[in-house]
Amino acid sequence: MPVDDILLEAEEKMQKSEEVMVNDFSGIRTGKASPALLENIMVEAYGSQMRIREMAGITTPEPRCLLIQPWDLGTIGMIDKAIQKANLGLNPMVDKKFLRIVLPELSEERRIEFTKVVKKMAEDGRVAVRHVRRDAIDTLKKETKDGTITEDEQSHGEKEVQKLTDKFVANIDAHMKKKETEIMTV
């Protein structure tokens, strides 16, 4: 496998690791309402597990309010139970055709808890990027051993993999700082 292919594959995997972490961040509550907070909650409906986003529209009519409008009105109770079971500290108010969730103001203690969760997620993202780096370097060494690439190409490839790693770790750190600022802003 040519060095360029190894580098391209490593970059794609690192990009995916970053995207997964950013997606996980969207589920962390800040002071304002976001549909991402609920859309991945699993609901037991129709004999299977479904995400809320597949069963209902989620909107934010006000900065601290979420409105969930199920496509099938018979699933309101199931969605209500799933949200309460998700243990997000949210209590939906059931109306005839929708559920309304008013987000309470976050206490300083709760905000600090959320920043710790964000830091853990960011560390998991950095670890995933480092695993990709390790795999890419192992592949480069294997290709050198097999005689497919030269030692100079291997050395150059390892330097490029490290540059990619540094870039994606810096991106993850930037996302983490942004999310922490978002959480701590009252």
N, C-alpha and C. Protein backbone atom coordinates (compact mmCIF):
# COMPACT_ATOMS: atom_id res chain seq x y z
N MET A 1 0.86 -1.18 0.00
CA MET A 1 0.00 0.00 0.00
C MET A 1 0.90 1.24 0.00
N PRO A 2 0.69 2.16 -0.93
CA PRO A 2 1.51 3.38 -0.98
C PRO A 2 1.33 4.26 0.27
N VAL A 3 2.36 5.04 0.56
CA VAL A 3 2.35 5.92 1.74
C VAL A 3 1.15 6.87 1.70
N ASP A 4 0.87 7.42 0.52
CA ASP A 4 -0.25 8.36 0.39
C ASP A 4 -1.57 7.73 0.80
N ASP A 5 -1.77 6.46 0.42
CA ASP A 5 -3.01 5.77 0.79
C ASP A 5 -3.10 5.57 2.30
N ILE A 6 -1.99 5.22 2.91
CA ILE A 6 -1.95 5.03 4.37
C ILE A 6 -2.28 6.35 5.07
N LEU A 7 -1.68 7.44 4.60
CA LEU A 7 -1.94 8.75 5.19
C LEU A 7 -3.38 9.18 5.00
N LEU A 8 -3.92 8.94 3.81
CA LEU A 8 -5.31 9.31 3.52
C LEU A 8 -6.27 8.54 4.42
N GLU A 9 -6.03 7.25 4.56
CA GLU A 9 -6.88 6.42 5.41
C GLU A 9 -6.80 6.88 6.87
N ALA A 10 -5.60 7.20 7.34
CA ALA A 10 -5.42 7.68 8.71
C ALA A 10 -6.16 9.00 8.92
N GLU A 11 -6.06 9.90 7.93
CA GLU A 11 -6.74 11.19 8.05
C GLU A 11 -8.25 11.02 8.11
N GLU A 12 -8.79 10.12 7.29
CA GLU A 12 -10.24 9.88 7.29
C GLU A 12 -10.70 9.33 8.64
N LYS A 13 -9.93 8.41 9.20
CA LYS A 13 -10.30 7.83 10.50
C LYS A 13 -10.22 8.86 11.62
N MET A 14 -9.19 9.72 11.57
CA MET A 14 -9.06 10.77 12.57
C MET A 14 -10.21 11.76 12.45
N GLN A 15 -10.59 12.07 11.23
CA GLN A 15 -11.73 12.97 10.98
C GLN A 15 -13.00 12.38 11.58
N LYS A 16 -13.21 11.09 11.38
CA LYS A 16 -14.39 10.42 11.94
C LYS A 16 -14.39 10.45 13.47
N SER A 17 -13.22 10.26 14.07
CA SER A 17 -13.10 10.32 15.53
C SER A 17 -13.51 11.70 16.04
N GLU A 18 -13.06 12.73 15.33
CA GLU A 18 -13.41 14.10 15.71
C GLU A 18 -14.92 14.33 15.57
N GLU A 19 -15.50 13.85 14.47
CA GLU A 19 -16.93 14.02 14.23
C GLU A 19 -17.77 13.32 15.29
N VAL A 20 -17.35 12.11 15.69
CA VAL A 20 -18.08 11.37 16.73
C VAL A 20 -18.07 12.17 18.03
N MET A 21 -16.90 12.71 18.38
CA MET A 21 -16.80 13.48 19.61
C MET A 21 -17.68 14.74 19.56
N VAL A 22 -17.66 15.44 18.44
CA VAL A 22 -18.49 16.64 18.30
C VAL A 22 -19.97 16.28 18.40
N ASN A 23 -20.35 15.16 17.81
CA ASN A 23 -21.73 14.69 17.90
C ASN A 23 -22.09 14.36 19.35
N ASP A 24 -21.17 13.73 20.08
CA ASP A 24 -21.41 13.44 21.50
C ASP A 24 -21.57 14.73 22.30
N PHE A 25 -20.78 15.74 21.95
CA PHE A 25 -20.88 17.03 22.64
C PHE A 25 -22.28 17.63 22.50
N SER A 26 -22.91 17.42 21.36
CA SER A 26 -24.22 18.03 21.12
C SER A 26 -25.28 17.50 22.10
N GLY A 27 -25.03 16.33 22.68
CA GLY A 27 -25.97 15.77 23.65
C GLY A 27 -25.77 16.32 25.06
N ILE A 28 -24.72 17.11 25.26
CA ILE A 28 -24.47 17.70 26.57
C ILE A 28 -25.22 19.02 26.66
N ARG A 29 -25.92 19.18 27.76
CA ARG A 29 -26.77 20.34 27.94
C ARG A 29 -25.99 21.61 28.23
N THR A 30 -26.40 22.67 27.61
CA THR A 30 -25.86 24.00 27.94
C THR A 30 -27.05 24.80 28.47
N GLY A 31 -26.91 26.08 28.59
CA GLY A 31 -27.99 26.89 29.11
C GLY A 31 -29.19 27.01 28.19
N LYS A 32 -28.98 26.71 26.90
CA LYS A 32 -30.10 26.87 25.96
C LYS A 32 -30.55 25.51 25.41
N ALA A 33 -31.78 25.47 24.97
CA ALA A 33 -32.38 24.23 24.46
C ALA A 33 -31.81 23.89 23.09
N SER A 34 -31.61 22.61 22.86
CA SER A 34 -31.13 22.12 21.56
C SER A 34 -31.80 20.79 21.27
N PRO A 35 -32.35 20.62 20.06
CA PRO A 35 -32.97 19.34 19.71
C PRO A 35 -32.00 18.17 19.84
N ALA A 36 -30.70 18.43 19.68
CA ALA A 36 -29.70 17.36 19.77
C ALA A 36 -29.69 16.71 21.16
N LEU A 37 -30.19 17.43 22.13
CA LEU A 37 -30.26 16.91 23.50
C LEU A 37 -31.14 15.66 23.58
N LEU A 38 -32.16 15.59 22.74
CA LEU A 38 -33.13 14.49 22.82
C LEU A 38 -33.10 13.53 21.64
N GLU A 39 -32.61 13.96 20.49
CA GLU A 39 -32.86 13.20 19.27
C GLU A 39 -32.32 11.78 19.26
N ASN A 40 -31.33 11.46 20.09
CA ASN A 40 -30.80 10.10 20.09
C ASN A 40 -31.33 9.23 21.21
N ILE A 41 -32.27 9.72 21.99
CA ILE A 41 -32.88 8.91 23.04
C ILE A 41 -33.70 7.80 22.39
N MET A 42 -33.50 6.59 22.90
CA MET A 42 -34.18 5.43 22.33
C MET A 42 -35.55 5.23 23.00
N VAL A 43 -36.57 4.99 22.18
CA VAL A 43 -37.94 4.79 22.64
C VAL A 43 -38.39 3.38 22.26
N GLU A 44 -39.02 2.70 23.19
CA GLU A 44 -39.59 1.37 22.91
C GLU A 44 -40.95 1.62 22.27
N ALA A 45 -41.05 1.35 20.96
CA ALA A 45 -42.30 1.58 20.24
C ALA A 45 -42.44 0.60 19.10
N TYR A 46 -43.64 0.18 18.85
CA TYR A 46 -43.94 -0.74 17.76
C TYR A 46 -43.10 -2.03 17.85
N GLY A 47 -42.79 -2.45 19.06
CA GLY A 47 -42.04 -3.68 19.25
C GLY A 47 -40.55 -3.59 18.96
N SER A 48 -40.02 -2.37 18.84
CA SER A 48 -38.58 -2.22 18.62
C SER A 48 -38.09 -0.92 19.25
N GLN A 49 -36.79 -0.71 19.20
CA GLN A 49 -36.19 0.52 19.71
C GLN A 49 -36.04 1.52 18.57
N MET A 50 -36.53 2.74 18.79
CA MET A 50 -36.42 3.79 17.77
C MET A 50 -35.92 5.07 18.44
N ARG A 51 -35.22 5.90 17.68
CA ARG A 51 -34.78 7.20 18.19
C ARG A 51 -35.97 8.16 18.15
N ILE A 52 -35.96 9.11 19.07
CA ILE A 52 -37.05 10.10 19.10
C ILE A 52 -37.12 10.85 17.78
N ARG A 53 -35.96 11.17 17.19
CA ARG A 53 -35.97 11.94 15.93
C ARG A 53 -36.65 11.19 14.80
N GLU A 54 -36.76 9.84 14.93
CA GLU A 54 -37.44 9.04 13.90
C GLU A 54 -38.95 8.99 14.14
N MET A 55 -39.37 9.45 15.32
CA MET A 55 -40.78 9.34 15.70
C MET A 55 -41.49 10.68 15.83
N ALA A 56 -40.69 11.77 15.89
CA ALA A 56 -41.30 13.07 16.17
C ALA A 56 -40.43 14.20 15.67
N GLY A 57 -41.05 15.35 15.54
CA GLY A 57 -40.31 16.57 15.23
C GLY A 57 -39.93 17.24 16.54
N ILE A 58 -38.69 17.71 16.65
CA ILE A 58 -38.22 18.37 17.86
C ILE A 58 -37.85 19.80 17.49
N THR A 59 -38.51 20.76 18.12
CA THR A 59 -38.24 22.17 17.82
C THR A 59 -37.94 22.93 19.11
N THR A 60 -37.40 24.14 18.95
CA THR A 60 -37.12 25.02 20.09
C THR A 60 -37.85 26.34 19.88
N PRO A 61 -39.12 26.42 20.32
CA PRO A 61 -39.87 27.65 20.13
C PRO A 61 -39.34 28.82 20.97
N GLU A 62 -38.67 28.50 22.08
CA GLU A 62 -38.08 29.52 22.96
C GLU A 62 -36.68 29.05 23.33
N PRO A 63 -35.81 29.96 23.79
CA PRO A 63 -34.42 29.57 24.10
C PRO A 63 -34.27 28.43 25.11
N ARG A 64 -35.20 28.31 26.08
CA ARG A 64 -35.06 27.25 27.08
C ARG A 64 -36.25 26.28 27.05
N CYS A 65 -36.80 26.06 25.87
CA CYS A 65 -37.97 25.20 25.75
C CYS A 65 -37.83 24.29 24.52
N LEU A 66 -38.17 23.02 24.72
CA LEU A 66 -38.19 22.06 23.60
C LEU A 66 -39.62 21.60 23.39
N LEU A 67 -40.01 21.46 22.13
CA LEU A 67 -41.35 21.01 21.79
C LEU A 67 -41.20 19.75 20.93
N ILE A 68 -41.84 18.66 21.39
CA ILE A 68 -41.76 17.39 20.68
C ILE A 68 -43.14 17.07 20.14
N GLN A 69 -43.25 16.96 18.81
CA GLN A 69 -44.52 16.65 18.18
C GLN A 69 -44.43 15.29 17.50
N PRO A 70 -44.98 14.24 18.14
CA PRO A 70 -44.91 12.90 17.56
C PRO A 70 -45.72 12.80 16.27
N TRP A 71 -45.23 12.00 15.33
CA TRP A 71 -45.96 11.78 14.09
C TRP A 71 -47.23 10.98 14.39
N ASP A 72 -47.13 10.03 15.36
CA ASP A 72 -48.26 9.21 15.77
C ASP A 72 -48.60 9.60 17.20
N LEU A 73 -49.79 10.16 17.42
CA LEU A 73 -50.16 10.64 18.75
C LEU A 73 -50.21 9.52 19.79
N GLY A 74 -50.32 8.27 19.35
CA GLY A 74 -50.34 7.15 20.28
C GLY A 74 -49.00 6.88 20.94
N THR A 75 -47.94 7.52 20.47
CA THR A 75 -46.61 7.28 21.04
C THR A 75 -46.20 8.32 22.08
N ILE A 76 -47.07 9.27 22.37
CA ILE A 76 -46.72 10.33 23.33
C ILE A 76 -46.27 9.74 24.66
N GLY A 77 -47.02 8.79 25.19
CA GLY A 77 -46.68 8.19 26.48
C GLY A 77 -45.34 7.48 26.45
N MET A 78 -45.06 6.78 25.35
CA MET A 78 -43.79 6.05 25.21
C MET A 78 -42.61 7.02 25.16
N ILE A 79 -42.78 8.12 24.44
CA ILE A 79 -41.71 9.13 24.34
C ILE A 79 -41.48 9.77 25.71
N ASP A 80 -42.56 10.07 26.42
CA ASP A 80 -42.48 10.65 27.76
C ASP A 80 -41.66 9.74 28.67
N LYS A 81 -41.99 8.45 28.68
CA LYS A 81 -41.27 7.47 29.53
C LYS A 81 -39.79 7.41 29.16
N ALA A 82 -39.50 7.39 27.86
CA ALA A 82 -38.11 7.29 27.40
C ALA A 82 -37.29 8.50 27.84
N ILE A 83 -37.88 9.69 27.78
CA ILE A 83 -37.16 10.90 28.19
C ILE A 83 -36.88 10.86 29.69
N GLN A 84 -37.85 10.43 30.46
CA GLN A 84 -37.64 10.34 31.91
C GLN A 84 -36.62 9.26 32.25
N LYS A 85 -36.65 8.16 31.50
CA LYS A 85 -35.72 7.05 31.73
C LYS A 85 -34.29 7.42 31.33
N ALA A 86 -34.14 8.37 30.42
CA ALA A 86 -32.81 8.80 29.95
C ALA A 86 -32.03 9.51 31.04
N ASN A 87 -32.70 9.89 32.12
CA ASN A 87 -32.05 10.48 33.28
C ASN A 87 -31.27 11.76 32.95
N LEU A 88 -31.91 12.64 32.19
CA LEU A 88 -31.29 13.92 31.85
C LEU A 88 -31.76 15.04 32.79
N GLY A 89 -32.61 14.68 33.73
CA GLY A 89 -33.14 15.68 34.65
C GLY A 89 -34.22 16.53 34.00
N LEU A 90 -34.91 15.98 33.00
CA LEU A 90 -35.95 16.71 32.29
C LEU A 90 -37.31 16.10 32.58
N ASN A 91 -38.31 16.95 32.78
CA ASN A 91 -39.67 16.48 33.02
C ASN A 91 -40.60 17.03 31.95
N PRO A 92 -40.96 16.19 30.98
CA PRO A 92 -41.85 16.64 29.90
C PRO A 92 -43.27 16.87 30.43
N MET A 93 -43.90 17.92 29.93
CA MET A 93 -45.31 18.17 30.22
C MET A 93 -46.09 17.69 29.00
N VAL A 94 -46.99 16.75 29.23
CA VAL A 94 -47.73 16.16 28.12
C VAL A 94 -48.98 16.98 27.84
N ASP A 95 -49.12 17.39 26.60
CA ASP A 95 -50.32 18.07 26.14
C ASP A 95 -51.04 17.06 25.23
N LYS A 96 -52.12 17.44 24.62
CA LYS A 96 -52.86 16.50 23.77
C LYS A 96 -52.05 16.04 22.56
N LYS A 97 -51.36 16.99 21.90
CA LYS A 97 -50.69 16.66 20.65
C LYS A 97 -49.16 16.75 20.71
N PHE A 98 -48.60 17.17 21.83
CA PHE A 98 -47.16 17.32 21.91
C PHE A 98 -46.66 17.25 23.35
N LEU A 99 -45.35 17.19 23.50
CA LEU A 99 -44.70 17.25 24.80
C LEU A 99 -43.89 18.54 24.84
N ARG A 100 -43.94 19.21 25.96
CA ARG A 100 -43.17 20.45 26.13
C ARG A 100 -42.20 20.23 27.28
N ILE A 101 -40.95 20.61 27.04
CA ILE A 101 -39.94 20.49 28.09
C ILE A 101 -39.32 21.86 28.30
N VAL A 102 -39.46 22.38 29.53
CA VAL A 102 -38.83 23.64 29.89
C VAL A 102 -37.56 23.28 30.63
N LEU A 103 -36.43 23.73 30.11
CA LEU A 103 -35.15 23.41 30.72
C LEU A 103 -34.91 24.30 31.93
N PRO A 104 -34.65 23.68 33.09
CA PRO A 104 -34.36 24.50 34.26
C PRO A 104 -32.99 25.16 34.12
N GLU A 105 -32.80 26.23 34.84
CA GLU A 105 -31.51 26.92 34.85
C GLU A 105 -30.48 25.98 35.47
N LEU A 106 -29.29 25.91 34.88
CA LEU A 106 -28.25 25.03 35.41
C LEU A 106 -27.55 25.68 36.59
N SER A 107 -27.36 24.90 37.66
CA SER A 107 -26.62 25.40 38.81
C SER A 107 -25.12 25.38 38.48
N GLU A 108 -24.33 26.12 39.24
CA GLU A 108 -22.88 26.16 39.03
C GLU A 108 -22.29 24.75 39.18
N GLU A 109 -22.79 24.02 40.17
CA GLU A 109 -22.31 22.66 40.42
C GLU A 109 -22.57 21.75 39.22
N ARG A 110 -23.76 21.86 38.64
CA ARG A 110 -24.13 21.03 37.49
C ARG A 110 -23.30 21.42 36.26
N ARG A 111 -23.03 22.70 36.10
CA ARG A 111 -22.20 23.15 34.99
C ARG A 111 -20.79 22.56 35.08
N ILE A 112 -20.24 22.54 36.29
CA ILE A 112 -18.91 21.98 36.49
C ILE A 112 -18.91 20.48 36.19
N GLU A 113 -19.98 19.79 36.60
CA GLU A 113 -20.12 18.36 36.28
C GLU A 113 -20.10 18.15 34.76
N PHE A 114 -20.85 18.97 34.04
CA PHE A 114 -20.91 18.85 32.58
C PHE A 114 -19.54 19.10 31.94
N THR A 115 -18.77 20.06 32.48
CA THR A 115 -17.44 20.31 31.90
C THR A 115 -16.53 19.10 32.11
N LYS A 116 -16.70 18.40 33.24
CA LYS A 116 -15.91 17.19 33.47
C LYS A 116 -16.27 16.11 32.45
N VAL A 117 -17.56 15.99 32.15
CA VAL A 117 -18.01 15.02 31.15
C VAL A 117 -17.42 15.38 29.78
N VAL A 118 -17.42 16.67 29.44
CA VAL A 118 -16.87 17.13 28.16
C VAL A 118 -15.38 16.80 28.09
N LYS A 119 -14.66 17.03 29.18
CA LYS A 119 -13.22 16.72 29.19
C LYS A 119 -12.98 15.23 28.97
N LYS A 120 -13.80 14.38 29.58
CA LYS A 120 -13.67 12.93 29.41
C LYS A 120 -13.93 12.55 27.95
N MET A 121 -14.97 13.13 27.35
CA MET A 121 -15.27 12.85 25.94
C MET A 121 -14.12 13.29 25.03
N ALA A 122 -13.55 14.45 25.35
CA ALA A 122 -12.43 14.96 24.54
C ALA A 122 -11.23 14.03 24.67
N GLU A 123 -10.98 13.55 25.88
CA GLU A 123 -9.86 12.62 26.07
C GLU A 123 -10.09 11.33 25.28
N ASP A 124 -11.33 10.84 25.28
CA ASP A 124 -11.66 9.66 24.49
C ASP A 124 -11.40 9.92 23.00
N GLY A 125 -11.72 11.12 22.54
CA GLY A 125 -11.46 11.50 21.14
C GLY A 125 -9.97 11.52 20.84
N ARG A 126 -9.18 12.09 21.77
CA ARG A 126 -7.73 12.13 21.58
C ARG A 126 -7.14 10.71 21.55
N VAL A 127 -7.64 9.85 22.43
CA VAL A 127 -7.17 8.46 22.46
C VAL A 127 -7.48 7.76 21.14
N ALA A 128 -8.68 8.00 20.61
CA ALA A 128 -9.06 7.39 19.32
C ALA A 128 -8.11 7.86 18.21
N VAL A 129 -7.76 9.14 18.21
CA VAL A 129 -6.85 9.68 17.20
C VAL A 129 -5.47 9.03 17.35
N ARG A 130 -5.03 8.86 18.59
CA ARG A 130 -3.71 8.23 18.82
C ARG A 130 -3.71 6.76 18.38
N HIS A 131 -4.84 6.09 18.54
CA HIS A 131 -4.93 4.70 18.07
C HIS A 131 -4.78 4.65 16.54
N VAL A 132 -5.38 5.61 15.87
CA VAL A 132 -5.26 5.67 14.41
C VAL A 132 -3.79 5.91 14.04
N ARG A 133 -3.13 6.80 14.79
CA ARG A 133 -1.70 7.08 14.53
C ARG A 133 -0.89 5.79 14.68
N ARG A 134 -1.13 5.07 15.77
CA ARG A 134 -0.39 3.82 16.02
C ARG A 134 -0.62 2.82 14.89
N ASP A 135 -1.87 2.67 14.47
CA ASP A 135 -2.18 1.73 13.39
C ASP A 135 -1.48 2.13 12.08
N ALA A 136 -1.48 3.43 11.79
CA ALA A 136 -0.85 3.91 10.56
C ALA A 136 0.66 3.67 10.59
N ILE A 137 1.28 3.93 11.73
CA ILE A 137 2.73 3.72 11.85
C ILE A 137 3.05 2.23 11.75
N ASP A 138 2.22 1.38 12.36
CA ASP A 138 2.42 -0.07 12.24
C ASP A 138 2.32 -0.51 10.77
N THR A 139 1.35 0.05 10.06
CA THR A 139 1.19 -0.28 8.64
C THR A 139 2.42 0.16 7.84
N LEU A 140 2.93 1.36 8.14
CA LEU A 140 4.13 1.84 7.45
C LEU A 140 5.32 0.90 7.71
N LYS A 141 5.47 0.48 8.97
CA LYS A 141 6.59 -0.42 9.30
C LYS A 141 6.44 -1.76 8.58
N LYS A 142 5.21 -2.26 8.51
CA LYS A 142 4.95 -3.53 7.84
C LYS A 142 5.27 -3.42 6.35
N GLU A 143 4.85 -2.30 5.74
CA GLU A 143 5.11 -2.09 4.31
C GLU A 143 6.62 -1.99 4.05
N THR A 144 7.37 -1.37 4.97
CA THR A 144 8.82 -1.27 4.82
C THR A 144 9.45 -2.66 4.93
N LYS A 145 8.97 -3.43 5.90
CA LYS A 145 9.48 -4.78 6.12
C LYS A 145 9.22 -5.67 4.89
N ASP A 146 8.04 -5.47 4.29
CA ASP A 146 7.67 -6.25 3.10
C ASP A 146 8.41 -5.77 1.84
N GLY A 147 9.06 -4.61 1.94
CA GLY A 147 9.80 -4.09 0.80
C GLY A 147 8.95 -3.27 -0.16
N THR A 148 7.72 -2.94 0.23
CA THR A 148 6.83 -2.15 -0.63
C THR A 148 7.24 -0.68 -0.67
N ILE A 149 7.72 -0.17 0.48
CA ILE A 149 8.18 1.22 0.55
C ILE A 149 9.59 1.25 1.16
N THR A 150 10.31 2.33 0.92
CA THR A 150 11.68 2.45 1.44
C THR A 150 11.64 2.99 2.87
N GLU A 151 12.78 2.92 3.55
CA GLU A 151 12.87 3.45 4.91
C GLU A 151 12.68 4.96 4.92
N ASP A 152 13.17 5.63 3.88
CA ASP A 152 12.97 7.08 3.79
C ASP A 152 11.48 7.42 3.69
N GLU A 153 10.77 6.64 2.86
CA GLU A 153 9.33 6.86 2.74
C GLU A 153 8.62 6.58 4.06
N GLN A 154 9.09 5.55 4.76
CA GLN A 154 8.50 5.23 6.07
C GLN A 154 8.72 6.39 7.03
N SER A 155 9.93 6.90 7.08
CA SER A 155 10.27 8.01 7.98
C SER A 155 9.43 9.24 7.65
N HIS A 156 9.32 9.55 6.36
CA HIS A 156 8.50 10.69 5.92
C HIS A 156 7.03 10.45 6.31
N GLY A 157 6.56 9.23 6.06
CA GLY A 157 5.17 8.88 6.39
C GLY A 157 4.88 9.03 7.87
N GLU A 158 5.82 8.59 8.72
CA GLU A 158 5.63 8.70 10.17
C GLU A 158 5.54 10.17 10.61
N LYS A 159 6.37 11.01 9.99
CA LYS A 159 6.33 12.44 10.31
C LYS A 159 4.98 13.05 9.91
N GLU A 160 4.49 12.64 8.74
CA GLU A 160 3.19 13.15 8.26
C GLU A 160 2.04 12.67 9.16
N VAL A 161 2.12 11.41 9.58
CA VAL A 161 1.09 10.87 10.49
C VAL A 161 1.10 11.67 11.79
N GLN A 162 2.30 12.00 12.29
CA GLN A 162 2.38 12.78 13.53
C GLN A 162 1.80 14.18 13.33
N LYS A 163 2.04 14.78 12.17
CA LYS A 163 1.46 16.10 11.88
C LYS A 163 -0.07 16.02 11.89
N LEU A 164 -0.60 14.96 11.25
CA LEU A 164 -2.06 14.77 11.25
C LEU A 164 -2.59 14.62 12.68
N THR A 165 -1.88 13.81 13.47
CA THR A 165 -2.29 13.58 14.85
C THR A 165 -2.32 14.90 15.62
N ASP A 166 -1.26 15.68 15.49
CA ASP A 166 -1.20 16.98 16.19
C ASP A 166 -2.35 17.88 15.76
N LYS A 167 -2.65 17.88 14.47
CA LYS A 167 -3.73 18.73 13.93
C LYS A 167 -5.07 18.33 14.55
N PHE A 168 -5.37 17.03 14.54
CA PHE A 168 -6.67 16.58 15.03
C PHE A 168 -6.79 16.70 16.55
N VAL A 169 -5.69 16.50 17.27
CA VAL A 169 -5.72 16.69 18.73
C VAL A 169 -5.99 18.17 19.03
N ALA A 170 -5.38 19.06 18.25
CA ALA A 170 -5.62 20.50 18.44
C ALA A 170 -7.08 20.84 18.13
N ASN A 171 -7.65 20.23 17.08
CA ASN A 171 -9.07 20.46 16.76
C ASN A 171 -9.96 20.01 17.91
N ILE A 172 -9.66 18.83 18.46
CA ILE A 172 -10.45 18.29 19.57
C ILE A 172 -10.36 19.23 20.77
N ASP A 173 -9.16 19.71 21.07
CA ASP A 173 -8.99 20.64 22.19
C ASP A 173 -9.79 21.93 21.97
N ALA A 174 -9.80 22.41 20.72
CA ALA A 174 -10.57 23.63 20.41
C ALA A 174 -12.07 23.39 20.60
N HIS A 175 -12.58 22.23 20.14
CA HIS A 175 -13.99 21.91 20.34
C HIS A 175 -14.31 21.83 21.83
N MET A 176 -13.40 21.23 22.61
CA MET A 176 -13.61 21.08 24.04
C MET A 176 -13.69 22.45 24.72
N LYS A 177 -12.76 23.34 24.40
CA LYS A 177 -12.76 24.69 24.99
C LYS A 177 -14.05 25.43 24.65
N LYS A 178 -14.47 25.31 23.39
CA LYS A 178 -15.70 25.98 22.95
C LYS A 178 -16.91 25.47 23.74
N LYS A 179 -16.99 24.15 23.90
CA LYS A 179 -18.12 23.55 24.61
C LYS A 179 -18.08 23.93 26.09
N GLU A 180 -16.89 23.95 26.69
CA GLU A 180 -16.78 24.36 28.10
C GLU A 180 -17.25 25.80 28.28
N THR A 181 -16.86 26.67 27.37
CA THR A 181 -17.28 28.07 27.43
C THR A 181 -18.80 28.17 27.30
N GLU A 182 -19.36 27.39 26.38
CA GLU A 182 -20.80 27.36 26.17
C GLU A 182 -21.53 26.92 27.45
N ILE A 183 -20.99 25.90 28.10
CA ILE A 183 -21.64 25.37 29.33
C ILE A 183 -21.52 26.37 30.47
N MET A 184 -20.38 26.99 30.62
CA MET A 184 -20.16 27.88 31.77
C MET A 184 -20.79 29.26 31.59
N THR A 185 -21.22 29.61 30.37
CA THR A 185 -21.85 30.90 30.14
C THR A 185 -23.26 30.86 30.70
N VAL A 186 -23.53 31.81 31.58
CA VAL A 186 -24.87 31.85 32.21
C VAL A 186 -25.82 32.66 31.37
